[in-house]
Amino acid sequence: MANEKILVVDDDANICELLRLYLTKEGYQVTVANDGEEGLEKFNQLKPDMVLLDVMMPRMDGLEVCRRIRKAGNTPVLMLTARDTLNDKVNGLEAGADDYLVKPFAIQELEARVRALI
């Protein structure tokens, strides 16, 4: 690992802690934000190498955050959400996400997708 920076944007504190612990152990620098507005602020400050992004969050939903990230450049975005219908997945990808993973997820699959996108 080259110590890539990953921004996790999710309002579920347990998911954030799980991702922070696991991805840090794998050699990534992990920053957490707990709502969409905070996520966008941290994105603009940190310029992360990748964003893991929930859809349903307070203050700004993940789809809008993704659209704004996409306007700023090509940072890989992995939507990580409980929204699991075909329409939800299409909406996430059309908002600019590079990949879409439904909760609950296997941590090994998440890590493989992170590696593929970075």
PDB file of N, CA and C in Angstrom:
ATOM      1  N   MET A   1       0.832  -1.190   0.000  1.00  0.00           N
ATOM      2  CA  MET A   1       0.000   0.000   0.000  1.00  0.00           C
ATOM      3  C   MET A   1       0.869   1.244   0.000  1.00  0.00           C
ATOM      4  N   ALA A   2       0.430   2.223  -0.710  1.00  0.00           N
ATOM      5  CA  ALA A   2       1.127   3.507  -0.745  1.00  0.00           C
ATOM      6  C   ALA A   2       0.489   4.488   0.228  1.00  0.00           C
ATOM      7  N   ASN A   3      -0.298   3.973   1.188  1.00  0.00           N
ATOM      8  CA  ASN A   3      -0.933   4.811   2.203  1.00  0.00           C
ATOM      9  C   ASN A   3      -1.975   5.753   1.612  1.00  0.00           C
ATOM     10  N   GLU A   4      -2.810   5.244   0.719  1.00  0.00           N
ATOM     11  CA  GLU A   4      -3.847   6.052   0.091  1.00  0.00           C
ATOM     12  C   GLU A   4      -4.854   6.541   1.123  1.00  0.00           C
ATOM     13  N   LYS A   5      -5.425   7.715   0.839  1.00  0.00           N
ATOM     14  CA  LYS A   5      -6.410   8.326   1.735  1.00  0.00           C
ATOM     15  C   LYS A   5      -7.815   7.938   1.288  1.00  0.00           C
ATOM     16  N   ILE A   6      -8.591   7.413   2.237  1.00  0.00           N
ATOM     17  CA  ILE A   6      -9.980   7.054   1.973  1.00  0.00           C
ATOM     18  C   ILE A   6     -10.874   7.855   2.907  1.00  0.00           C
ATOM     19  N   LEU A   7     -11.892   8.467   2.330  1.00  0.00           N
ATOM     20  CA  LEU A   7     -12.903   9.179   3.099  1.00  0.00           C
ATOM     21  C   LEU A   7     -14.147   8.306   3.193  1.00  0.00           C
ATOM     22  N   VAL A   8     -14.588   8.012   4.409  1.00  0.00           N
ATOM     23  CA  VAL A   8     -15.806   7.252   4.659  1.00  0.00           C
ATOM     24  C   VAL A   8     -16.880   8.241   5.096  1.00  0.00           C
ATOM     25  N   VAL A   9     -17.990   8.281   4.354  1.00  0.00           N
ATOM     26  CA  VAL A   9     -19.085   9.189   4.672  1.00  0.00           C
ATOM     27  C   VAL A   9     -20.329   8.340   4.937  1.00  0.00           C
ATOM     28  N   ASP A  10     -20.699   8.223   6.211  1.00  0.00           N
ATOM     29  CA  ASP A  10     -21.817   7.367   6.603  1.00  0.00           C
ATOM     30  C   ASP A  10     -22.319   7.845   7.962  1.00  0.00           C
ATOM     31  N   ASP A  11     -23.632   7.866   8.169  1.00  0.00           N
ATOM     32  CA  ASP A  11     -24.178   8.308   9.445  1.00  0.00           C
ATOM     33  C   ASP A  11     -24.275   7.183  10.478  1.00  0.00           C
ATOM     34  N   ASP A  12     -23.899   5.974  10.109  1.00  0.00           N
ATOM     35  CA  ASP A  12     -23.906   4.842  11.035  1.00  0.00           C
ATOM     36  C   ASP A  12     -22.519   4.729  11.683  1.00  0.00           C
ATOM     37  N   ALA A  13     -22.445   5.076  12.972  1.00  0.00           N
ATOM     38  CA  ALA A  13     -21.159   5.096  13.676  1.00  0.00           C
ATOM     39  C   ALA A  13     -20.497   3.721  13.701  1.00  0.00           C
ATOM     40  N   ASN A  14     -21.284   2.653  13.791  1.00  0.00           N
ATOM     41  CA  ASN A  14     -20.712   1.300  13.822  1.00  0.00           C
ATOM     42  C   ASN A  14     -20.044   0.945  12.491  1.00  0.00           C
ATOM     43  N   ILE A  15     -20.701   1.270  11.385  1.00  0.00           N
ATOM     44  CA  ILE A  15     -20.122   1.016  10.062  1.00  0.00           C
ATOM     45  C   ILE A  15     -18.834   1.823   9.904  1.00  0.00           C
ATOM     46  N   CYS A  16     -18.876   3.088  10.306  1.00  0.00           N
ATOM     47  CA  CYS A  16     -17.691   3.946  10.195  1.00  0.00           C
ATOM     48  C   CYS A  16     -16.514   3.365  10.972  1.00  0.00           C
ATOM     49  N   GLU A  17     -16.775   2.907  12.189  1.00  0.00           N
ATOM     50  CA  GLU A  17     -15.701   2.363  13.014  1.00  0.00           C
ATOM     51  C   GLU A  17     -15.163   1.059  12.427  1.00  0.00           C
ATOM     52  N   LEU A  18     -16.056   0.186  11.957  1.00  0.00           N
ATOM     53  CA  LEU A  18     -15.625  -1.054  11.315  1.00  0.00           C
ATOM     54  C   LEU A  18     -14.725  -0.754  10.121  1.00  0.00           C
ATOM     55  N   LEU A  19     -15.162   0.148   9.253  1.00  0.00           N
ATOM     56  CA  LEU A  19     -14.377   0.484   8.064  1.00  0.00           C
ATOM     57  C   LEU A  19     -13.054   1.144   8.437  1.00  0.00           C
ATOM     58  N   ARG A  20     -13.102   2.049   9.416  1.00  0.00           N
ATOM     59  CA  ARG A  20     -11.873   2.724   9.842  1.00  0.00           C
ATOM     60  C   ARG A  20     -10.850   1.713  10.359  1.00  0.00           C
ATOM     61  N   LEU A  21     -11.298   0.816  11.233  1.00  0.00           N
ATOM     62  CA  LEU A  21     -10.383  -0.176  11.806  1.00  0.00           C
ATOM     63  C   LEU A  21      -9.815  -1.105  10.736  1.00  0.00           C
ATOM     64  N   TYR A  22     -10.678  -1.648   9.896  1.00  0.00           N
ATOM     65  CA  TYR A  22     -10.226  -2.614   8.898  1.00  0.00           C
ATOM     66  C   TYR A  22      -9.327  -1.965   7.847  1.00  0.00           C
ATOM     67  N   LEU A  23      -9.755  -0.844   7.310  1.00  0.00           N
ATOM     68  CA  LEU A  23      -8.968  -0.209   6.244  1.00  0.00           C
ATOM     69  C   LEU A  23      -7.651   0.356   6.766  1.00  0.00           C
ATOM     70  N   THR A  24      -7.642   0.827   8.006  1.00  0.00           N
ATOM     71  CA  THR A  24      -6.385   1.287   8.613  1.00  0.00           C
ATOM     72  C   THR A  24      -5.421   0.121   8.754  1.00  0.00           C
ATOM     73  N   LYS A  25      -5.951  -1.025   9.183  1.00  0.00           N
ATOM     74  CA  LYS A  25      -5.118  -2.235   9.306  1.00  0.00           C
ATOM     75  C   LYS A  25      -4.529  -2.644   7.958  1.00  0.00           C
ATOM     76  N   GLU A  26      -5.267  -2.366   6.880  1.00  0.00           N
ATOM     77  CA  GLU A  26      -4.800  -2.699   5.540  1.00  0.00           C
ATOM     78  C   GLU A  26      -3.840  -1.647   4.963  1.00  0.00           C
ATOM     79  N   GLY A  27      -3.574  -0.589   5.727  1.00  0.00           N
ATOM     80  CA  GLY A  27      -2.579   0.387   5.309  1.00  0.00           C
ATOM     81  C   GLY A  27      -3.123   1.689   4.741  1.00  0.00           C
ATOM     82  N   TYR A  28      -4.427   1.875   4.779  1.00  0.00           N
ATOM     83  CA  TYR A  28      -5.022   3.112   4.258  1.00  0.00           C
ATOM     84  C   TYR A  28      -5.116   4.163   5.360  1.00  0.00           C
ATOM     85  N   GLN A  29      -5.079   5.426   4.967  1.00  0.00           N
ATOM     86  CA  GLN A  29      -5.356   6.533   5.873  1.00  0.00           C
ATOM     87  C   GLN A  29      -6.858   6.807   5.767  1.00  0.00           C
ATOM     88  N   VAL A  30      -7.584   6.648   6.865  1.00  0.00           N
ATOM     89  CA  VAL A  30      -9.040   6.738   6.834  1.00  0.00           C
ATOM     90  C   VAL A  30      -9.515   7.951   7.622  1.00  0.00           C
ATOM     91  N   THR A  31     -10.385   8.725   6.996  1.00  0.00           N
ATOM     92  CA  THR A  31     -11.063   9.842   7.642  1.00  0.00           C
ATOM     93  C   THR A  31     -12.551   9.563   7.559  1.00  0.00           C
ATOM     94  N   VAL A  32     -13.288   9.908   8.617  1.00  0.00           N
ATOM     95  CA  VAL A  32     -14.720   9.634   8.698  1.00  0.00           C
ATOM     96  C   VAL A  32     -15.506  10.932   8.765  1.00  0.00           C
ATOM     97  N   ALA A  33     -16.629  10.961   8.066  1.00  0.00           N
ATOM     98  CA  ALA A  33     -17.605  12.043   8.167  1.00  0.00           C
ATOM     99  C   ALA A  33     -18.966  11.404   8.396  1.00  0.00           C
ATOM    100  N   ASN A  34     -19.823  12.048   9.196  1.00  0.00           N
ATOM    101  CA  ASN A  34     -21.078  11.422   9.597  1.00  0.00           C
ATOM    102  C   ASN A  34     -22.329  11.980   8.942  1.00  0.00           C
ATOM    103  N   ASP A  35     -22.181  12.909   8.008  1.00  0.00           N
ATOM    104  CA  ASP A  35     -23.324  13.361   7.218  1.00  0.00           C
ATOM    105  C   ASP A  35     -22.797  13.914   5.897  1.00  0.00           C
ATOM    106  N   GLY A  36     -23.704  14.187   4.978  1.00  0.00           N
ATOM    107  CA  GLY A  36     -23.300  14.595   3.643  1.00  0.00           C
ATOM    108  C   GLY A  36     -22.543  15.901   3.588  1.00  0.00           C
ATOM    109  N   GLU A  37     -22.985  16.909   4.323  1.00  0.00           N
ATOM    110  CA  GLU A  37     -22.290  18.199   4.289  1.00  0.00           C
ATOM    111  C   GLU A  37     -20.876  18.091   4.853  1.00  0.00           C
ATOM    112  N   GLU A  38     -20.740  17.386   5.990  1.00  0.00           N
ATOM    113  CA  GLU A  38     -19.414  17.175   6.574  1.00  0.00           C
ATOM    114  C   GLU A  38     -18.534  16.385   5.601  1.00  0.00           C
ATOM    115  N   GLY A  39     -19.132  15.405   4.940  1.00  0.00           N
ATOM    116  CA  GLY A  39     -18.387  14.610   3.972  1.00  0.00           C
ATOM    117  C   GLY A  39     -17.843  15.457   2.837  1.00  0.00           C
ATOM    118  N   LEU A  40     -18.662  16.355   2.323  1.00  0.00           N
ATOM    119  CA  LEU A  40     -18.229  17.221   1.233  1.00  0.00           C
ATOM    120  C   LEU A  40     -17.141  18.189   1.699  1.00  0.00           C
ATOM    121  N   GLU A  41     -17.284  18.713   2.913  1.00  0.00           N
ATOM    122  CA  GLU A  41     -16.248  19.596   3.473  1.00  0.00           C
ATOM    123  C   GLU A  41     -14.920  18.860   3.598  1.00  0.00           C
ATOM    124  N   LYS A  42     -14.964  17.652   4.158  1.00  0.00           N
ATOM    125  CA  LYS A  42     -13.728  16.878   4.330  1.00  0.00           C
ATOM    126  C   LYS A  42     -13.153  16.459   2.981  1.00  0.00           C
ATOM    127  N   PHE A  43     -14.012  16.155   2.020  1.00  0.00           N
ATOM    128  CA  PHE A  43     -13.540  15.827   0.675  1.00  0.00           C
ATOM    129  C   PHE A  43     -12.726  16.994   0.108  1.00  0.00           C
ATOM    130  N   ASN A  44     -13.255  18.200   0.225  1.00  0.00           N
ATOM    131  CA  ASN A  44     -12.579  19.381  -0.315  1.00  0.00           C
ATOM    132  C   ASN A  44     -11.284  19.693   0.428  1.00  0.00           C
ATOM    133  N   GLN A  45     -11.223  19.399   1.722  1.00  0.00           N
ATOM    134  CA  GLN A  45     -10.017  19.641   2.510  1.00  0.00           C
ATOM    135  C   GLN A  45      -8.943  18.589   2.247  1.00  0.00           C
ATOM    136  N   LEU A  46      -9.344  17.317   2.246  1.00  0.00           N
ATOM    137  CA  LEU A  46      -8.390  16.210   2.216  1.00  0.00           C
ATOM    138  C   LEU A  46      -7.930  15.795   0.824  1.00  0.00           C
ATOM    139  N   LYS A  47      -8.786  15.985  -0.179  1.00  0.00           N
ATOM    140  CA  LYS A  47      -8.510  15.462  -1.522  1.00  0.00           C
ATOM    141  C   LYS A  47      -8.158  13.978  -1.434  1.00  0.00           C
ATOM    142  N   PRO A  48      -9.108  13.148  -0.952  1.00  0.00           N
ATOM    143  CA  PRO A  48      -8.821  11.721  -0.772  1.00  0.00           C
ATOM    144  C   PRO A  48      -8.636  11.002  -2.102  1.00  0.00           C
ATOM    145  N   ASP A  49      -8.048   9.817  -2.013  1.00  0.00           N
ATOM    146  CA  ASP A  49      -7.855   8.982  -3.198  1.00  0.00           C
ATOM    147  C   ASP A  49      -9.115   8.199  -3.545  1.00  0.00           C
ATOM    148  N   MET A  50     -10.039   8.093  -2.571  1.00  0.00           N
ATOM    149  CA  MET A  50     -11.275   7.346  -2.769  1.00  0.00           C
ATOM    150  C   MET A  50     -12.280   7.755  -1.712  1.00  0.00           C
ATOM    151  N   VAL A  51     -13.587   7.620  -2.059  1.00  0.00           N
ATOM    152  CA  VAL A  51     -14.667   7.917  -1.122  1.00  0.00           C
ATOM    153  C   VAL A  51     -15.594   6.713  -1.031  1.00  0.00           C
ATOM    154  N   LEU A  52     -15.888   6.276   0.204  1.00  0.00           N
ATOM    155  CA  LEU A  52     -16.929   5.286   0.475  1.00  0.00           C
ATOM    156  C   LEU A  52     -18.115   6.084   0.987  1.00  0.00           C
ATOM    157  N   LEU A  53     -19.260   5.966   0.312  1.00  0.00           N
ATOM    158  CA  LEU A  53     -20.348   6.913   0.507  1.00  0.00           C
ATOM    159  C   LEU A  53     -21.692   6.225   0.692  1.00  0.00           C
ATOM    160  N   ASP A  54     -22.344   6.519   1.818  1.00  0.00           N
ATOM    161  CA  ASP A  54     -23.706   6.042   2.063  1.00  0.00           C
ATOM    162  C   ASP A  54     -24.677   6.923   1.283  1.00  0.00           C
ATOM    163  N   VAL A  55     -25.884   6.436   1.036  1.00  0.00           N
ATOM    164  CA  VAL A  55     -26.896   7.225   0.324  1.00  0.00           C
ATOM    165  C   VAL A  55     -27.772   7.997   1.297  1.00  0.00           C
ATOM    166  N   MET A  56     -28.363   7.297   2.258  1.00  0.00           N
ATOM    167  CA  MET A  56     -29.320   7.931   3.168  1.00  0.00           C
ATOM    168  C   MET A  56     -28.592   8.526   4.368  1.00  0.00           C
ATOM    169  N   MET A  57     -28.446   9.866   4.350  1.00  0.00           N
ATOM    170  CA  MET A  57     -27.760  10.572   5.430  1.00  0.00           C
ATOM    171  C   MET A  57     -28.449  11.899   5.689  1.00  0.00           C
ATOM    172  N   PRO A  58     -28.246  12.443   6.893  1.00  0.00           N
ATOM    173  CA  PRO A  58     -28.800  13.776   7.176  1.00  0.00           C
ATOM    174  C   PRO A  58     -28.003  14.875   6.470  1.00  0.00           C
ATOM    175  N   ARG A  59     -28.630  16.035   6.373  1.00  0.00           N
ATOM    176  CA  ARG A  59     -28.065  17.284   5.862  1.00  0.00           C
ATOM    177  C   ARG A  59     -27.799  17.295   4.354  1.00  0.00           C
ATOM    178  N   MET A  60     -27.397  16.199   3.765  1.00  0.00           N
ATOM    179  CA  MET A  60     -27.249  16.088   2.306  1.00  0.00           C
ATOM    180  C   MET A  60     -27.123  14.607   1.989  1.00  0.00           C
ATOM    181  N   ASP A  61     -27.952  14.105   1.078  1.00  0.00           N
ATOM    182  CA  ASP A  61     -27.882  12.671   0.796  1.00  0.00           C
ATOM    183  C   ASP A  61     -26.655  12.342  -0.051  1.00  0.00           C
ATOM    184  N   GLY A  62     -26.323  11.059  -0.063  1.00  0.00           N
ATOM    185  CA  GLY A  62     -25.124  10.609  -0.752  1.00  0.00           C
ATOM    186  C   GLY A  62     -25.155  10.819  -2.254  1.00  0.00           C
ATOM    187  N   LEU A  63     -26.330  10.802  -2.851  1.00  0.00           N
ATOM    188  CA  LEU A  63     -26.413  11.029  -4.294  1.00  0.00           C
ATOM    189  C   LEU A  63     -25.966  12.450  -4.640  1.00  0.00           C
ATOM    190  N   GLU A  64     -26.396  13.415  -3.850  1.00  0.00           N
ATOM    191  CA  GLU A  64     -25.986  14.806  -4.092  1.00  0.00           C
ATOM    192  C   GLU A  64     -24.496  14.985  -3.800  1.00  0.00           C
ATOM    193  N   VAL A  65     -24.017  14.361  -2.738  1.00  0.00           N
ATOM    194  CA  VAL A  65     -22.578  14.417  -2.441  1.00  0.00           C
ATOM    195  C   VAL A  65     -21.793  13.853  -3.620  1.00  0.00           C
ATOM    196  N   CYS A  66     -22.238  12.725  -4.152  1.00  0.00           N
ATOM    197  CA  CYS A  66     -21.560  12.086  -5.277  1.00  0.00           C
ATOM    198  C   CYS A  66     -21.543  13.001  -6.500  1.00  0.00           C
ATOM    199  N   ARG A  67     -22.668  13.623  -6.799  1.00  0.00           N
ATOM    200  CA  ARG A  67     -22.721  14.553  -7.942  1.00  0.00           C
ATOM    201  C   ARG A  67     -21.702  15.679  -7.783  1.00  0.00           C
ATOM    202  N   ARG A  68     -21.590  16.203  -6.576  1.00  0.00           N
ATOM    203  CA  ARG A  68     -20.661  17.315  -6.324  1.00  0.00           C
ATOM    204  C   ARG A  68     -19.213  16.852  -6.382  1.00  0.00           C
ATOM    205  N   ILE A  69     -18.949  15.655  -5.878  1.00  0.00           N
ATOM    206  CA  ILE A  69     -17.594  15.089  -5.979  1.00  0.00           C
ATOM    207  C   ILE A  69     -17.233  14.897  -7.449  1.00  0.00           C
ATOM    208  N   ARG A  70     -18.182  14.405  -8.219  1.00  0.00           N
ATOM    209  CA  ARG A  70     -17.938  14.159  -9.639  1.00  0.00           C
ATOM    210  C   ARG A  70     -17.638  15.454 -10.383  1.00  0.00           C
ATOM    211  N   LYS A  71     -18.298  16.548 -10.010  1.00  0.00           N
ATOM    212  CA  LYS A  71     -18.010  17.845 -10.639  1.00  0.00           C
ATOM    213  C   LYS A  71     -16.584  18.294 -10.347  1.00  0.00           C
ATOM    214  N   ALA A  72     -16.046  17.870  -9.202  1.00  0.00           N
ATOM    215  CA  ALA A  72     -14.708  18.279  -8.788  1.00  0.00           C
ATOM    216  C   ALA A  72     -13.607  17.453  -9.442  1.00  0.00           C
ATOM    217  N   GLY A  73     -13.947  16.305 -10.042  1.00  0.00           N
ATOM    218  CA  GLY A  73     -12.905  15.489 -10.658  1.00  0.00           C
ATOM    219  C   GLY A  73     -13.298  14.027 -10.752  1.00  0.00           C
ATOM    220  N   ASN A  74     -12.292  13.173 -10.791  1.00  0.00           N
ATOM    221  CA  ASN A  74     -12.502  11.739 -11.032  1.00  0.00           C
ATOM    222  C   ASN A  74     -12.165  10.857  -9.845  1.00  0.00           C
ATOM    223  N   THR A  75     -12.241  11.384  -8.633  1.00  0.00           N
ATOM    224  CA  THR A  75     -11.977  10.567  -7.452  1.00  0.00           C
ATOM    225  C   THR A  75     -12.943   9.387  -7.431  1.00  0.00           C
ATOM    226  N   PRO A  76     -12.446   8.158  -7.298  1.00  0.00           N
ATOM    227  CA  PRO A  76     -13.342   7.002  -7.259  1.00  0.00           C
ATOM    228  C   PRO A  76     -14.323   7.076  -6.089  1.00  0.00           C
ATOM    229  N   VAL A  77     -15.582   6.756  -6.370  1.00  0.00           N
ATOM    230  CA  VAL A  77     -16.638   6.746  -5.354  1.00  0.00           C
ATOM    231  C   VAL A  77     -17.297   5.369  -5.355  1.00  0.00           C
ATOM    232  N   LEU A  78     -17.319   4.748  -4.187  1.00  0.00           N
ATOM    233  CA  LEU A  78     -18.018   3.487  -3.984  1.00  0.00           C
ATOM    234  C   LEU A  78     -19.215   3.771  -3.089  1.00  0.00           C
ATOM    235  N   MET A  79     -20.418   3.608  -3.628  1.00  0.00           N
ATOM    236  CA  MET A  79     -21.621   3.753  -2.824  1.00  0.00           C
ATOM    237  C   MET A  79     -21.734   2.509  -1.953  1.00  0.00           C
ATOM    238  N   LEU A  80     -21.937   2.723  -0.667  1.00  0.00           N
ATOM    239  CA  LEU A  80     -22.027   1.644   0.306  1.00  0.00           C
ATOM    240  C   LEU A  80     -23.313   1.878   1.085  1.00  0.00           C
ATOM    241  N   THR A  81     -24.382   1.166   0.718  1.00  0.00           N
ATOM    242  CA  THR A  81     -25.701   1.538   1.202  1.00  0.00           C
ATOM    243  C   THR A  81     -26.641   0.354   1.377  1.00  0.00           C
ATOM    244  N   ALA A  82     -27.671   0.556   2.179  1.00  0.00           N
ATOM    245  CA  ALA A  82     -28.713  -0.458   2.351  1.00  0.00           C
ATOM    246  C   ALA A  82     -29.739  -0.409   1.219  1.00  0.00           C
ATOM    247  N   ARG A  83     -29.712   0.633   0.406  1.00  0.00           N
ATOM    248  CA  ARG A  83     -30.654   0.765  -0.712  1.00  0.00           C
ATOM    249  C   ARG A  83     -30.282  -0.275  -1.765  1.00  0.00           C
ATOM    250  N   ASP A  84     -31.175  -1.257  -1.984  1.00  0.00           N
ATOM    251  CA  ASP A  84     -30.768  -2.412  -2.779  1.00  0.00           C
ATOM    252  C   ASP A  84     -31.615  -2.710  -4.011  1.00  0.00           C
ATOM    253  N   THR A  85     -32.531  -1.828  -4.389  1.00  0.00           N
ATOM    254  CA  THR A  85     -33.315  -2.114  -5.593  1.00  0.00           C
ATOM    255  C   THR A  85     -32.498  -1.772  -6.836  1.00  0.00           C
ATOM    256  N   LEU A  86     -32.922  -2.309  -7.948  1.00  0.00           N
ATOM    257  CA  LEU A  86     -32.258  -1.995  -9.211  1.00  0.00           C
ATOM    258  C   LEU A  86     -32.280  -0.490  -9.460  1.00  0.00           C
ATOM    259  N   ASN A  87     -33.415   0.149  -9.200  1.00  0.00           N
ATOM    260  CA  ASN A  87     -33.535   1.590  -9.390  1.00  0.00           C
ATOM    261  C   ASN A  87     -32.546   2.359  -8.516  1.00  0.00           C
ATOM    262  N   ASP A  88     -32.364   1.915  -7.250  1.00  0.00           N
ATOM    263  CA  ASP A  88     -31.395   2.553  -6.354  1.00  0.00           C
ATOM    264  C   ASP A  88     -29.983   2.458  -6.926  1.00  0.00           C
ATOM    265  N   LYS A  89     -29.631   1.276  -7.420  1.00  0.00           N
ATOM    266  CA  LYS A  89     -28.289   1.071  -7.977  1.00  0.00           C
ATOM    267  C   LYS A  89     -28.084   1.932  -9.216  1.00  0.00           C
ATOM    268  N   VAL A  90     -29.073   1.975 -10.089  1.00  0.00           N
ATOM    269  CA  VAL A  90     -28.982   2.797 -11.294  1.00  0.00           C
ATOM    270  C   VAL A  90     -28.839   4.275 -10.909  1.00  0.00           C
ATOM    271  N   ASN A  91     -29.633   4.727  -9.939  1.00  0.00           N
ATOM    272  CA  ASN A  91     -29.539   6.125  -9.503  1.00  0.00           C
ATOM    273  C   ASN A  91     -28.152   6.447  -8.957  1.00  0.00           C
ATOM    274  N   GLY A  92     -27.580   5.536  -8.190  1.00  0.00           N
ATOM    275  CA  GLY A  92     -26.239   5.750  -7.655  1.00  0.00           C
ATOM    276  C   GLY A  92     -25.195   5.844  -8.748  1.00  0.00           C
ATOM    277  N   LEU A  93     -25.270   4.942  -9.701  1.00  0.00           N
ATOM    278  CA  LEU A  93     -24.302   4.956 -10.801  1.00  0.00           C
ATOM    279  C   LEU A  93     -24.501   6.180 -11.694  1.00  0.00           C
ATOM    280  N   GLU A  94     -25.756   6.570 -11.919  1.00  0.00           N
ATOM    281  CA  GLU A  94     -26.011   7.762 -12.735  1.00  0.00           C
ATOM    282  C   GLU A  94     -25.592   9.047 -12.025  1.00  0.00           C
ATOM    283  N   ALA A  95     -25.542   9.023 -10.685  1.00  0.00           N
ATOM    284  CA  ALA A  95     -25.072  10.188  -9.934  1.00  0.00           C
ATOM    285  C   ALA A  95     -23.555  10.328 -10.032  1.00  0.00           C
ATOM    286  N   GLY A  96     -22.897   9.274 -10.553  1.00  0.00           N
ATOM    287  CA  GLY A  96     -21.453   9.348 -10.750  1.00  0.00           C
ATOM    288  C   GLY A  96     -20.642   8.320  -9.995  1.00  0.00           C
ATOM    289  N   ALA A  97     -21.292   7.429  -9.236  1.00  0.00           N
ATOM    290  CA  ALA A  97     -20.551   6.411  -8.495  1.00  0.00           C
ATOM    291  C   ALA A  97     -19.842   5.460  -9.464  1.00  0.00           C
ATOM    292  N   ASP A  98     -18.679   5.001  -9.053  1.00  0.00           N
ATOM    293  CA  ASP A  98     -17.919   4.039  -9.849  1.00  0.00           C
ATOM    294  C   ASP A  98     -18.320   2.605  -9.540  1.00  0.00           C
ATOM    295  N   ASP A  99     -18.863   2.386  -8.352  1.00  0.00           N
ATOM    296  CA  ASP A  99     -19.280   1.051  -7.934  1.00  0.00           C
ATOM    297  C   ASP A  99     -20.362   1.211  -6.878  1.00  0.00           C
ATOM    298  N   TYR A 100     -21.065   0.115  -6.588  1.00  0.00           N
ATOM    299  CA  TYR A 100     -22.211   0.148  -5.681  1.00  0.00           C
ATOM    300  C   TYR A 100     -22.223  -1.162  -4.920  1.00  0.00           C
ATOM    301  N   LEU A 101     -22.145  -1.096  -3.608  1.00  0.00           N
ATOM    302  CA  LEU A 101     -22.135  -2.298  -2.769  1.00  0.00           C
ATOM    303  C   LEU A 101     -23.235  -2.157  -1.724  1.00  0.00           C
ATOM    304  N   VAL A 102     -24.046  -3.212  -1.584  1.00  0.00           N
ATOM    305  CA  VAL A 102     -25.196  -3.182  -0.688  1.00  0.00           C
ATOM    306  C   VAL A 102     -24.815  -3.719   0.693  1.00  0.00           C
ATOM    307  N   LYS A 103     -25.276  -3.022   1.746  1.00  0.00           N
ATOM    308  CA  LYS A 103     -25.135  -3.493   3.127  1.00  0.00           C
ATOM    309  C   LYS A 103     -26.212  -4.536   3.388  1.00  0.00           C
ATOM    310  N   PRO A 104     -25.940  -5.563   4.174  1.00  0.00           N
ATOM    311  CA  PRO A 104     -24.640  -5.898   4.736  1.00  0.00           C
ATOM    312  C   PRO A 104     -23.708  -6.438   3.661  1.00  0.00           C
ATOM    313  N   PHE A 105     -22.430  -6.277   3.878  1.00  0.00           N
ATOM    314  CA  PHE A 105     -21.427  -6.665   2.889  1.00  0.00           C
ATOM    315  C   PHE A 105     -20.339  -7.482   3.566  1.00  0.00           C
ATOM    316  N   ALA A 106     -19.619  -8.244   2.773  1.00  0.00           N
ATOM    317  CA  ALA A 106     -18.445  -8.970   3.273  1.00  0.00           C
ATOM    318  C   ALA A 106     -17.258  -8.021   3.188  1.00  0.00           C
ATOM    319  N   ILE A 107     -16.533  -7.888   4.284  1.00  0.00           N
ATOM    320  CA  ILE A 107     -15.422  -6.935   4.334  1.00  0.00           C
ATOM    321  C   ILE A 107     -14.357  -7.272   3.285  1.00  0.00           C
ATOM    322  N   GLN A 108     -14.185  -8.556   2.964  1.00  0.00           N
ATOM    323  CA  GLN A 108     -13.203  -8.952   1.956  1.00  0.00           C
ATOM    324  C   GLN A 108     -13.626  -8.456   0.567  1.00  0.00           C
ATOM    325  N   GLU A 109     -14.929  -8.504   0.282  1.00  0.00           N
ATOM    326  CA  GLU A 109     -15.410  -7.997  -0.997  1.00  0.00           C
ATOM    327  C   GLU A 109     -15.217  -6.483  -1.077  1.00  0.00           C
ATOM    328  N   LEU A 110     -15.522  -5.794   0.006  1.00  0.00           N
ATOM    329  CA  LEU A 110     -15.314  -4.346   0.039  1.00  0.00           C
ATOM    330  C   LEU A 110     -13.855  -4.016  -0.238  1.00  0.00           C
ATOM    331  N   GLU A 111     -12.953  -4.703   0.435  1.00  0.00           N
ATOM    332  CA  GLU A 111     -11.525  -4.411   0.272  1.00  0.00           C
ATOM    333  C   GLU A 111     -11.070  -4.693  -1.157  1.00  0.00           C
ATOM    334  N   ALA A 112     -11.586  -5.755  -1.768  1.00  0.00           N
ATOM    335  CA  ALA A 112     -11.232  -6.065  -3.155  1.00  0.00           C
ATOM    336  C   ALA A 112     -11.730  -4.955  -4.097  1.00  0.00           C
ATOM    337  N   ARG A 113     -12.924  -4.441  -3.836  1.00  0.00           N
ATOM    338  CA  ARG A 113     -13.457  -3.351  -4.668  1.00  0.00           C
ATOM    339  C   ARG A 113     -12.655  -2.071  -4.466  1.00  0.00           C
ATOM    340  N   VAL A 114     -12.248  -1.804  -3.233  1.00  0.00           N
ATOM    341  CA  VAL A 114     -11.413  -0.634  -2.955  1.00  0.00           C
ATOM    342  C   VAL A 114     -10.107  -0.738  -3.736  1.00  0.00           C
ATOM    343  N   ARG A 115      -9.456  -1.895  -3.653  1.00  0.00           N
ATOM    344  CA  ARG A 115      -8.187  -2.105  -4.379  1.00  0.00           C
ATOM    345  C   ARG A 115      -8.393  -1.905  -5.884  1.00  0.00           C
ATOM    346  N   ALA A 116      -9.488  -2.425  -6.407  1.00  0.00           N
ATOM    347  CA  ALA A 116      -9.758  -2.323  -7.847  1.00  0.00           C
ATOM    348  C   ALA A 116      -9.961  -0.860  -8.270  1.00  0.00           C
ATOM    349  N   LEU A 117     -10.630  -0.087  -7.437  1.00  0.00           N
ATOM    350  CA  LEU A 117     -10.912   1.299  -7.794  1.00  0.00           C
ATOM    351  C   LEU A 117      -9.721   2.228  -7.594  1.00  0.00           C
ATOM    352  N   ILE A 118      -8.892   1.913  -6.609  1.00  0.00           N
ATOM    353  CA  ILE A 118      -7.698   2.754  -6.388  1.00  0.00           C
ATOM    354  C   ILE A 118      -6.627   2.326  -7.367  1.00  0.00           C
TER     355      ILE A 118
END
